[in-house]
Amino acid sequence: MVPRIHGRRLLPGTDPAGGNTARNMNEINIKSVEDARKYREQLAARKPEDDPGLAKWRTSKRYILLLLVVVFFLMYYLISVNIEVLSLPGLNVTVEIPKP
């Protein structure tokens, strides 16, 4: 007996990853040790890295991480510049006064 999936719809032309795998534990119907063994084999046969939707998430993850690196570098730079400015002992500014 293969674990049953209730109400799962797939896109046309797609094959479920690893066969009849369920999305959550409530959709799994395991009655015997053999059912559990078959389910475990189906999970082992899954190849989630081949999922086309995963490529979009990986690309967006890379861009978000790159954006975070840029933001943190700018924060580091601005904080270091502020520390340098605040550590100056004094700032002398000469202003030329026109003679009347």
C-alpha atoms as a PDB file:
ATOM      1  CA  MET A   1       0.000   0.000   0.000  1.00  0.00           C
ATOM      2  CA  VAL A   2       1.323   3.415  -0.989  1.00  0.00           C
ATOM      3  CA  PRO A   3       0.689   6.427   1.261  1.00  0.00           C
ATOM      4  CA  ARG A   4      -2.255   8.407  -0.093  1.00  0.00           C
ATOM      5  CA  ILE A   5      -2.328  12.108  -0.778  1.00  0.00           C
ATOM      6  CA  HIS A   6      -5.632  13.916  -0.409  1.00  0.00           C
ATOM      7  CA  GLY A   7      -6.411  16.976  -2.513  1.00  0.00           C
ATOM      8  CA  ARG A   8      -2.974  17.567  -3.998  1.00  0.00           C
ATOM      9  CA  ARG A   9      -2.980  19.140  -7.454  1.00  0.00           C
ATOM     10  CA  LEU A  10       0.039  19.255  -9.713  1.00  0.00           C
ATOM     11  CA  LEU A  11       0.750  21.455 -12.679  1.00  0.00           C
ATOM     12  CA  PRO A  12       0.260  19.801 -16.073  1.00  0.00           C
ATOM     13  CA  GLY A  13       3.375  17.989 -17.229  1.00  0.00           C
ATOM     14  CA  THR A  14       5.017  17.873 -13.810  1.00  0.00           C
ATOM     15  CA  ASP A  15       5.838  14.792 -11.841  1.00  0.00           C
ATOM     16  CA  PRO A  16       5.681  14.854  -8.058  1.00  0.00           C
ATOM     17  CA  ALA A  17       9.137  14.782  -6.529  1.00  0.00           C
ATOM     18  CA  GLY A  18       9.850  11.198  -5.580  1.00  0.00           C
ATOM     19  CA  GLY A  19       6.416   9.860  -6.499  1.00  0.00           C
ATOM     20  CA  ASN A  20       3.495  10.073  -4.089  1.00  0.00           C
ATOM     21  CA  THR A  21       5.002  12.208  -1.357  1.00  0.00           C
ATOM     22  CA  ALA A  22       2.759  14.221   0.910  1.00  0.00           C
ATOM     23  CA  ARG A  23       3.133  17.861   1.864  1.00  0.00           C
ATOM     24  CA  ASN A  24       2.576  17.382   5.558  1.00  0.00           C
ATOM     25  CA  MET A  25       2.189  14.579   8.050  1.00  0.00           C
ATOM     26  CA  ASN A  26      -1.624  14.806   8.058  1.00  0.00           C
ATOM     27  CA  GLU A  27      -1.763  13.654   4.428  1.00  0.00           C
ATOM     28  CA  ILE A  28       0.269  10.475   5.048  1.00  0.00           C
ATOM     29  CA  ASN A  29      -1.588   7.225   5.627  1.00  0.00           C
ATOM     30  CA  ILE A  30       0.877   4.607   6.913  1.00  0.00           C
ATOM     31  CA  LYS A  31      -0.663   1.403   8.238  1.00  0.00           C
ATOM     32  CA  SER A  32       2.262  -1.031   8.322  1.00  0.00           C
ATOM     33  CA  VAL A  33       6.016  -1.273   8.435  1.00  0.00           C
ATOM     34  CA  GLU A  34       6.060  -1.940   4.693  1.00  0.00           C
ATOM     35  CA  ASP A  35       4.164   1.323   4.096  1.00  0.00           C
ATOM     36  CA  ALA A  36       6.721   3.172   6.188  1.00  0.00           C
ATOM     37  CA  ARG A  37       9.563   1.546   4.254  1.00  0.00           C
ATOM     38  CA  LYS A  38       8.030   2.509   0.905  1.00  0.00           C
ATOM     39  CA  TYR A  39       7.450   6.070   2.104  1.00  0.00           C
ATOM     40  CA  ARG A  40      11.049   6.326   3.297  1.00  0.00           C
ATOM     41  CA  GLU A  41      12.306   5.072  -0.078  1.00  0.00           C
ATOM     42  CA  GLN A  42      10.150   7.650  -1.848  1.00  0.00           C
ATOM     43  CA  LEU A  43      11.571  10.412   0.320  1.00  0.00           C
ATOM     44  CA  ALA A  44      15.114   9.192  -0.354  1.00  0.00           C
ATOM     45  CA  ALA A  45      14.439   9.282  -4.116  1.00  0.00           C
ATOM     46  CA  ARG A  46      13.355  12.926  -4.047  1.00  0.00           C
ATOM     47  CA  LYS A  47      15.527  15.435  -5.869  1.00  0.00           C
ATOM     48  CA  PRO A  48      14.396  18.850  -4.615  1.00  0.00           C
ATOM     49  CA  GLU A  49      17.324  20.576  -6.326  1.00  0.00           C
ATOM     50  CA  ASP A  50      15.736  19.720  -9.693  1.00  0.00           C
ATOM     51  CA  ASP A  51      12.575  21.666  -8.843  1.00  0.00           C
ATOM     52  CA  PRO A  52      12.203  24.643 -11.241  1.00  0.00           C
ATOM     53  CA  GLY A  53      10.629  26.789  -8.526  1.00  0.00           C
ATOM     54  CA  LEU A  54      13.683  26.323  -6.359  1.00  0.00           C
ATOM     55  CA  ALA A  55      15.891  28.081  -8.910  1.00  0.00           C
ATOM     56  CA  LYS A  56      13.885  31.293  -8.466  1.00  0.00           C
ATOM     57  CA  TRP A  57      14.275  31.125  -4.697  1.00  0.00           C
ATOM     58  CA  ARG A  58      18.007  30.469  -4.944  1.00  0.00           C
ATOM     59  CA  THR A  59      18.455  33.433  -7.293  1.00  0.00           C
ATOM     60  CA  SER A  60      16.469  35.742  -5.035  1.00  0.00           C
ATOM     61  CA  LYS A  61      18.427  34.463  -2.030  1.00  0.00           C
ATOM     62  CA  ARG A  62      21.713  35.364  -3.735  1.00  0.00           C
ATOM     63  CA  TYR A  63      20.501  38.871  -4.592  1.00  0.00           C
ATOM     64  CA  ILE A  64      19.202  39.463  -1.079  1.00  0.00           C
ATOM     65  CA  LEU A  65      22.482  38.286   0.452  1.00  0.00           C
ATOM     66  CA  LEU A  66      24.430  40.534  -1.932  1.00  0.00           C
ATOM     67  CA  LEU A  67      22.216  43.470  -0.994  1.00  0.00           C
ATOM     68  CA  LEU A  68      22.775  42.757   2.707  1.00  0.00           C
ATOM     69  CA  VAL A  69      26.547  42.669   2.202  1.00  0.00           C
ATOM     70  CA  VAL A  70      26.442  46.035   0.433  1.00  0.00           C
ATOM     71  CA  VAL A  71      24.247  47.584   3.140  1.00  0.00           C
ATOM     72  CA  PHE A  72      26.458  46.286   5.950  1.00  0.00           C
ATOM     73  CA  PHE A  73      29.583  47.530   4.197  1.00  0.00           C
ATOM     74  CA  LEU A  74      28.056  51.008   3.829  1.00  0.00           C
ATOM     75  CA  MET A  75      27.065  51.000   7.491  1.00  0.00           C
ATOM     76  CA  TYR A  76      30.597  49.965   8.476  1.00  0.00           C
ATOM     77  CA  TYR A  77      32.090  52.703   6.297  1.00  0.00           C
ATOM     78  CA  LEU A  78      29.792  55.441   7.623  1.00  0.00           C
ATOM     79  CA  ILE A  79      30.362  54.426  11.235  1.00  0.00           C
ATOM     80  CA  SER A  80      34.137  54.415  10.755  1.00  0.00           C
ATOM     81  CA  VAL A  81      34.031  57.869   9.123  1.00  0.00           C
ATOM     82  CA  ASN A  82      31.919  59.208  11.992  1.00  0.00           C
ATOM     83  CA  ILE A  83      34.363  57.793  14.527  1.00  0.00           C
ATOM     84  CA  GLU A  84      37.268  59.468  12.730  1.00  0.00           C
ATOM     85  CA  VAL A  85      35.463  62.821  12.643  1.00  0.00           C
ATOM     86  CA  LEU A  86      34.490  62.618  16.302  1.00  0.00           C
ATOM     87  CA  SER A  87      38.036  61.688  17.332  1.00  0.00           C
ATOM     88  CA  LEU A  88      39.514  64.903  15.902  1.00  0.00           C
ATOM     89  CA  PRO A  89      40.873  67.092  18.726  1.00  0.00           C
ATOM     90  CA  GLY A  90      39.591  70.275  17.179  1.00  0.00           C
ATOM     91  CA  LEU A  91      38.795  71.954  13.958  1.00  0.00           C
ATOM     92  CA  ASN A  92      40.239  75.352  13.196  1.00  0.00           C
ATOM     93  CA  VAL A  93      38.545  77.294  10.461  1.00  0.00           C
ATOM     94  CA  THR A  94      40.041  80.563   9.310  1.00  0.00           C
ATOM     95  CA  VAL A  95      37.710  83.141   7.877  1.00  0.00           C
ATOM     96  CA  GLU A  96      39.047  86.191   6.143  1.00  0.00           C
ATOM     97  CA  ILE A  97      37.294  89.368   7.195  1.00  0.00           C
ATOM     98  CA  PRO A  98      37.236  92.066   4.539  1.00  0.00           C
ATOM     99  CA  LYS A  99      38.747  95.411   5.647  1.00  0.00           C
ATOM    100  CA  PRO A 100      36.413  98.410   5.377  1.00  0.00           C
END
